[in-house]
Amino acid sequence: MKKIILLTGFITMLMMGCNCPEPEIVDKAKEIAAVKKVLDKYRAANENQDMNLIEEIWSPEEDIVSIGTEKGERLIGFSQIQEVVQRQFDSFSETFITPANQSIEISDDGNTAWFSQMMNYNFILDGTPYSFRNLRYTGVLVKKEGKWKLVQTHMSVAYNPLQE
């Protein structure tokens, strides 16, 4: 019994002497709004062909990933993403993107976010209008130096054999 009292006293002293900081409470609604703003900027950057805004939104590292809808379209690193986006800007005109059913989640520590959404993607290529409906778009953002940055995206088209 004496050992239990001593052990309890020792643990109490350790806990009282600990200058452990209180865990920071994350305002998830505020962070979700900030991530939504980044996704809105990404849409605007594509519609306005604004490479400066693309550079502001994506993390500049060479281990980030973007997977597209074409076979083999797996871009690794910001330089590859930047190159493909620039080619797209050089080829597409009148891009118009409409997101829907957007869902954004924030990690408990407030440093990681993930999203999913559906979207319609319209553009003109070589004088021909294209419209892709109900694209699925997902991704991950991380907070770096207080700013949300894209580090991973994936766009896919639902396969429907009845449309063939």
C-alpha atoms as a PDB file:
ATOM      1  CA  MET A   1       0.000   0.000   0.000  1.00  0.00           C
ATOM      2  CA  LYS A   2       2.889   2.306   0.846  1.00  0.00           C
ATOM      3  CA  LYS A   3       4.330   1.748  -2.657  1.00  0.00           C
ATOM      4  CA  ILE A   4       1.040   2.719  -4.308  1.00  0.00           C
ATOM      5  CA  ILE A   5       0.844   5.959  -2.293  1.00  0.00           C
ATOM      6  CA  LEU A   6       4.453   6.817  -3.153  1.00  0.00           C
ATOM      7  CA  LEU A   7       3.894   5.995  -6.841  1.00  0.00           C
ATOM      8  CA  THR A   8       0.715   8.082  -6.932  1.00  0.00           C
ATOM      9  CA  GLY A   9       2.505  10.977  -5.239  1.00  0.00           C
ATOM     10  CA  PHE A  10       5.404  10.738  -7.701  1.00  0.00           C
ATOM     11  CA  ILE A  11       3.059  10.737 -10.728  1.00  0.00           C
ATOM     12  CA  THR A  12       1.142  13.705  -9.301  1.00  0.00           C
ATOM     13  CA  MET A  13       4.381  15.652  -8.824  1.00  0.00           C
ATOM     14  CA  LEU A  14       5.445  14.882 -12.400  1.00  0.00           C
ATOM     15  CA  MET A  15       2.106  16.042 -13.774  1.00  0.00           C
ATOM     16  CA  MET A  16       2.116  19.247 -11.723  1.00  0.00           C
ATOM     17  CA  GLY A  17       5.677  20.028 -12.682  1.00  0.00           C
ATOM     18  CA  CYS A  18       5.078  19.483 -16.390  1.00  0.00           C
ATOM     19  CA  ASN A  19       5.007  22.675 -18.374  1.00  0.00           C
ATOM     20  CA  CYS A  20       3.308  20.914 -21.225  1.00  0.00           C
ATOM     21  CA  PRO A  21       1.615  23.362 -23.562  1.00  0.00           C
ATOM     22  CA  GLU A  22      -2.100  23.008 -24.010  1.00  0.00           C
ATOM     23  CA  PRO A  23      -2.918  21.463 -27.373  1.00  0.00           C
ATOM     24  CA  GLU A  24      -3.921  24.127 -29.859  1.00  0.00           C
ATOM     25  CA  ILE A  25      -7.589  24.028 -30.723  1.00  0.00           C
ATOM     26  CA  VAL A  26      -8.046  24.080 -34.479  1.00  0.00           C
ATOM     27  CA  ASP A  27     -10.874  26.191 -35.872  1.00  0.00           C
ATOM     28  CA  LYS A  28     -11.892  23.656 -38.509  1.00  0.00           C
ATOM     29  CA  ALA A  29     -14.575  25.895 -40.029  1.00  0.00           C
ATOM     30  CA  LYS A  30     -11.972  28.623 -40.582  1.00  0.00           C
ATOM     31  CA  GLU A  31      -9.509  26.157 -42.124  1.00  0.00           C
ATOM     32  CA  ILE A  32     -12.188  24.634 -44.376  1.00  0.00           C
ATOM     33  CA  ALA A  33     -13.025  28.147 -45.618  1.00  0.00           C
ATOM     34  CA  ALA A  34      -9.324  28.779 -46.311  1.00  0.00           C
ATOM     35  CA  VAL A  35      -8.997  25.510 -48.263  1.00  0.00           C
ATOM     36  CA  LYS A  36     -12.177  26.312 -50.206  1.00  0.00           C
ATOM     37  CA  LYS A  37     -10.601  29.641 -51.140  1.00  0.00           C
ATOM     38  CA  VAL A  38      -7.516  27.832 -52.489  1.00  0.00           C
ATOM     39  CA  LEU A  39      -9.716  25.495 -54.557  1.00  0.00           C
ATOM     40  CA  ASP A  40     -11.667  28.495 -55.877  1.00  0.00           C
ATOM     41  CA  LYS A  41      -8.357  30.141 -56.814  1.00  0.00           C
ATOM     42  CA  TYR A  42      -7.290  26.965 -58.601  1.00  0.00           C
ATOM     43  CA  ARG A  43     -10.491  27.011 -60.652  1.00  0.00           C
ATOM     44  CA  ALA A  44      -9.951  30.701 -61.465  1.00  0.00           C
ATOM     45  CA  ALA A  45      -6.285  30.083 -62.343  1.00  0.00           C
ATOM     46  CA  ASN A  46      -7.335  27.460 -64.890  1.00  0.00           C
ATOM     47  CA  GLU A  47     -10.140  29.569 -66.326  1.00  0.00           C
ATOM     48  CA  ASN A  48      -7.922  32.677 -66.593  1.00  0.00           C
ATOM     49  CA  GLN A  49      -4.764  30.760 -67.565  1.00  0.00           C
ATOM     50  CA  ASP A  50      -2.885  32.371 -64.681  1.00  0.00           C
ATOM     51  CA  MET A  51       0.418  30.560 -64.141  1.00  0.00           C
ATOM     52  CA  ASN A  52       1.373  32.898 -61.272  1.00  0.00           C
ATOM     53  CA  LEU A  53      -1.720  31.769 -59.381  1.00  0.00           C
ATOM     54  CA  ILE A  54      -0.908  28.103 -60.178  1.00  0.00           C
ATOM     55  CA  GLU A  55       2.541  28.649 -58.637  1.00  0.00           C
ATOM     56  CA  GLU A  56       0.960  30.231 -55.544  1.00  0.00           C
ATOM     57  CA  ILE A  57      -1.433  27.315 -55.021  1.00  0.00           C
ATOM     58  CA  TRP A  58       0.794  24.269 -55.598  1.00  0.00           C
ATOM     59  CA  SER A  59       3.593  23.249 -53.261  1.00  0.00           C
ATOM     60  CA  PRO A  60       6.873  23.771 -55.152  1.00  0.00           C
ATOM     61  CA  GLU A  61       8.404  20.434 -54.107  1.00  0.00           C
ATOM     62  CA  GLU A  62       9.390  17.734 -56.565  1.00  0.00           C
ATOM     63  CA  ASP A  63       7.640  14.906 -54.688  1.00  0.00           C
ATOM     64  CA  ILE A  64       4.071  16.163 -55.144  1.00  0.00           C
ATOM     65  CA  VAL A  65       1.724  14.236 -57.468  1.00  0.00           C
ATOM     66  CA  SER A  66      -1.091  14.966 -59.887  1.00  0.00           C
ATOM     67  CA  ILE A  67      -2.912  12.141 -61.638  1.00  0.00           C
ATOM     68  CA  GLY A  68      -5.048  13.043 -64.638  1.00  0.00           C
ATOM     69  CA  THR A  69      -7.619  11.326 -66.785  1.00  0.00           C
ATOM     70  CA  GLU A  70      -5.338  10.195 -69.606  1.00  0.00           C
ATOM     71  CA  LYS A  71      -3.523   6.854 -69.538  1.00  0.00           C
ATOM     72  CA  GLY A  72      -0.070   7.407 -68.092  1.00  0.00           C
ATOM     73  CA  GLU A  73      -0.888  10.915 -66.884  1.00  0.00           C
ATOM     74  CA  ARG A  74       0.912  10.750 -63.550  1.00  0.00           C
ATOM     75  CA  LEU A  75       2.861  13.919 -62.940  1.00  0.00           C
ATOM     76  CA  ILE A  76       5.536  13.855 -60.252  1.00  0.00           C
ATOM     77  CA  GLY A  77       6.943  17.133 -58.985  1.00  0.00           C
ATOM     78  CA  PHE A  78       5.903  20.717 -59.470  1.00  0.00           C
ATOM     79  CA  SER A  79       8.045  21.172 -62.574  1.00  0.00           C
ATOM     80  CA  GLN A  80       6.124  18.417 -64.432  1.00  0.00           C
ATOM     81  CA  ILE A  81       2.789  19.780 -63.248  1.00  0.00           C
ATOM     82  CA  GLN A  82       3.785  23.284 -64.299  1.00  0.00           C
ATOM     83  CA  GLU A  83       4.882  22.068 -67.751  1.00  0.00           C
ATOM     84  CA  VAL A  84       1.607  20.223 -68.421  1.00  0.00           C
ATOM     85  CA  VAL A  85      -0.519  23.103 -67.122  1.00  0.00           C
ATOM     86  CA  GLN A  86       1.361  25.515 -69.391  1.00  0.00           C
ATOM     87  CA  ARG A  87       0.773  23.229 -72.409  1.00  0.00           C
ATOM     88  CA  GLN A  88      -2.900  23.133 -71.496  1.00  0.00           C
ATOM     89  CA  PHE A  89      -2.993  26.942 -71.243  1.00  0.00           C
ATOM     90  CA  ASP A  90      -1.323  27.186 -74.666  1.00  0.00           C
ATOM     91  CA  SER A  91      -3.902  24.824 -76.224  1.00  0.00           C
ATOM     92  CA  PHE A  92      -7.215  25.513 -74.462  1.00  0.00           C
ATOM     93  CA  SER A  93      -9.381  28.597 -74.610  1.00  0.00           C
ATOM     94  CA  GLU A  94     -12.628  29.649 -72.947  1.00  0.00           C
ATOM     95  CA  THR A  95     -12.195  27.227 -70.062  1.00  0.00           C
ATOM     96  CA  PHE A  96     -15.173  27.140 -67.712  1.00  0.00           C
ATOM     97  CA  ILE A  97     -15.250  24.882 -64.646  1.00  0.00           C
ATOM     98  CA  THR A  98     -18.260  24.265 -62.416  1.00  0.00           C
ATOM     99  CA  PRO A  99     -17.584  22.429 -59.135  1.00  0.00           C
ATOM    100  CA  ALA A 100     -20.360  20.664 -57.213  1.00  0.00           C
ATOM    101  CA  ASN A 101     -20.773  18.422 -54.163  1.00  0.00           C
ATOM    102  CA  GLN A 102     -17.538  19.692 -52.656  1.00  0.00           C
ATOM    103  CA  SER A 103     -16.436  18.106 -49.392  1.00  0.00           C
ATOM    104  CA  ILE A 104     -13.424  19.351 -47.413  1.00  0.00           C
ATOM    105  CA  GLU A 105     -12.004  17.791 -44.256  1.00  0.00           C
ATOM    106  CA  ILE A 106      -9.251  19.007 -41.923  1.00  0.00           C
ATOM    107  CA  SER A 107      -6.946  16.870 -39.777  1.00  0.00           C
ATOM    108  CA  ASP A 108      -7.148  17.280 -36.000  1.00  0.00           C
ATOM    109  CA  ASP A 109      -3.805  19.104 -35.935  1.00  0.00           C
ATOM    110  CA  GLY A 110      -4.995  21.521 -38.649  1.00  0.00           C
ATOM    111  CA  ASN A 111      -2.054  20.914 -40.981  1.00  0.00           C
ATOM    112  CA  THR A 112      -3.564  18.556 -43.564  1.00  0.00           C
ATOM    113  CA  ALA A 113      -6.730  18.849 -45.619  1.00  0.00           C
ATOM    114  CA  TRP A 114      -8.359  16.597 -48.165  1.00  0.00           C
ATOM    115  CA  PHE A 115     -11.196  17.279 -50.562  1.00  0.00           C
ATOM    116  CA  SER A 116     -13.467  15.644 -53.070  1.00  0.00           C
ATOM    117  CA  GLN A 117     -15.806  17.197 -55.574  1.00  0.00           C
ATOM    118  CA  MET A 118     -17.594  16.635 -58.816  1.00  0.00           C
ATOM    119  CA  MET A 119     -17.130  19.116 -61.621  1.00  0.00           C
ATOM    120  CA  ASN A 120     -18.033  19.974 -65.160  1.00  0.00           C
ATOM    121  CA  TYR A 121     -15.047  21.032 -67.273  1.00  0.00           C
ATOM    122  CA  ASN A 122     -15.633  22.914 -70.513  1.00  0.00           C
ATOM    123  CA  PHE A 123     -13.088  24.338 -72.960  1.00  0.00           C
ATOM    124  CA  ILE A 124     -12.311  24.912 -76.622  1.00  0.00           C
ATOM    125  CA  LEU A 125      -9.429  23.059 -78.265  1.00  0.00           C
ATOM    126  CA  ASP A 126      -8.501  23.750 -81.888  1.00  0.00           C
ATOM    127  CA  GLY A 127     -11.865  25.430 -82.450  1.00  0.00           C
ATOM    128  CA  THR A 128     -13.842  22.468 -81.111  1.00  0.00           C
ATOM    129  CA  PRO A 129     -15.816  22.803 -77.863  1.00  0.00           C
ATOM    130  CA  TYR A 130     -15.442  20.023 -75.306  1.00  0.00           C
ATOM    131  CA  SER A 131     -17.559  19.378 -72.252  1.00  0.00           C
ATOM    132  CA  PHE A 132     -16.702  16.801 -69.611  1.00  0.00           C
ATOM    133  CA  ARG A 133     -19.487  16.314 -67.105  1.00  0.00           C
ATOM    134  CA  ASN A 134     -19.305  14.819 -63.630  1.00  0.00           C
ATOM    135  CA  LEU A 135     -15.538  14.559 -63.407  1.00  0.00           C
ATOM    136  CA  ARG A 136     -14.395  13.352 -60.003  1.00  0.00           C
ATOM    137  CA  TYR A 137     -11.651  15.481 -58.496  1.00  0.00           C
ATOM    138  CA  THR A 138      -9.892  14.726 -55.214  1.00  0.00           C
ATOM    139  CA  GLY A 139      -6.781  15.974 -53.511  1.00  0.00           C
ATOM    140  CA  VAL A 140      -4.685  16.739 -50.472  1.00  0.00           C
ATOM    141  CA  LEU A 141      -3.356  20.059 -49.222  1.00  0.00           C
ATOM    142  CA  VAL A 142      -0.824  20.758 -46.485  1.00  0.00           C
ATOM    143  CA  LYS A 143      -0.316  23.918 -44.509  1.00  0.00           C
ATOM    144  CA  LYS A 144       3.166  25.332 -45.106  1.00  0.00           C
ATOM    145  CA  GLU A 145       4.238  28.546 -43.424  1.00  0.00           C
ATOM    146  CA  GLY A 146       0.590  29.330 -42.706  1.00  0.00           C
ATOM    147  CA  LYS A 147      -0.605  28.808 -46.297  1.00  0.00           C
ATOM    148  CA  TRP A 148      -2.526  25.871 -47.762  1.00  0.00           C
ATOM    149  CA  LYS A 149      -0.739  24.237 -50.720  1.00  0.00           C
ATOM    150  CA  LEU A 150      -1.831  21.431 -53.036  1.00  0.00           C
ATOM    151  CA  VAL A 151       0.414  18.361 -52.779  1.00  0.00           C
ATOM    152  CA  GLN A 152      -1.719  15.709 -54.488  1.00  0.00           C
ATOM    153  CA  THR A 153      -4.658  15.686 -56.907  1.00  0.00           C
ATOM    154  CA  HIS A 154      -6.497  13.051 -58.896  1.00  0.00           C
ATOM    155  CA  MET A 155      -9.089  13.582 -61.591  1.00  0.00           C
ATOM    156  CA  SER A 156     -11.092  10.723 -63.027  1.00  0.00           C
ATOM    157  CA  VAL A 157     -13.929  10.098 -65.413  1.00  0.00           C
ATOM    158  CA  ALA A 158     -16.601   7.608 -64.497  1.00  0.00           C
ATOM    159  CA  TYR A 159     -16.670   4.733 -66.988  1.00  0.00           C
ATOM    160  CA  ASN A 160     -20.122   3.861 -68.205  1.00  0.00           C
ATOM    161  CA  PRO A 161     -20.205   0.988 -70.718  1.00  0.00           C
ATOM    162  CA  LEU A 162     -23.820   1.860 -71.538  1.00  0.00           C
ATOM    163  CA  GLN A 163     -22.624   5.076 -73.191  1.00  0.00           C
ATOM    164  CA  GLU A 164     -20.552   3.232 -75.816  1.00  0.00           C
END
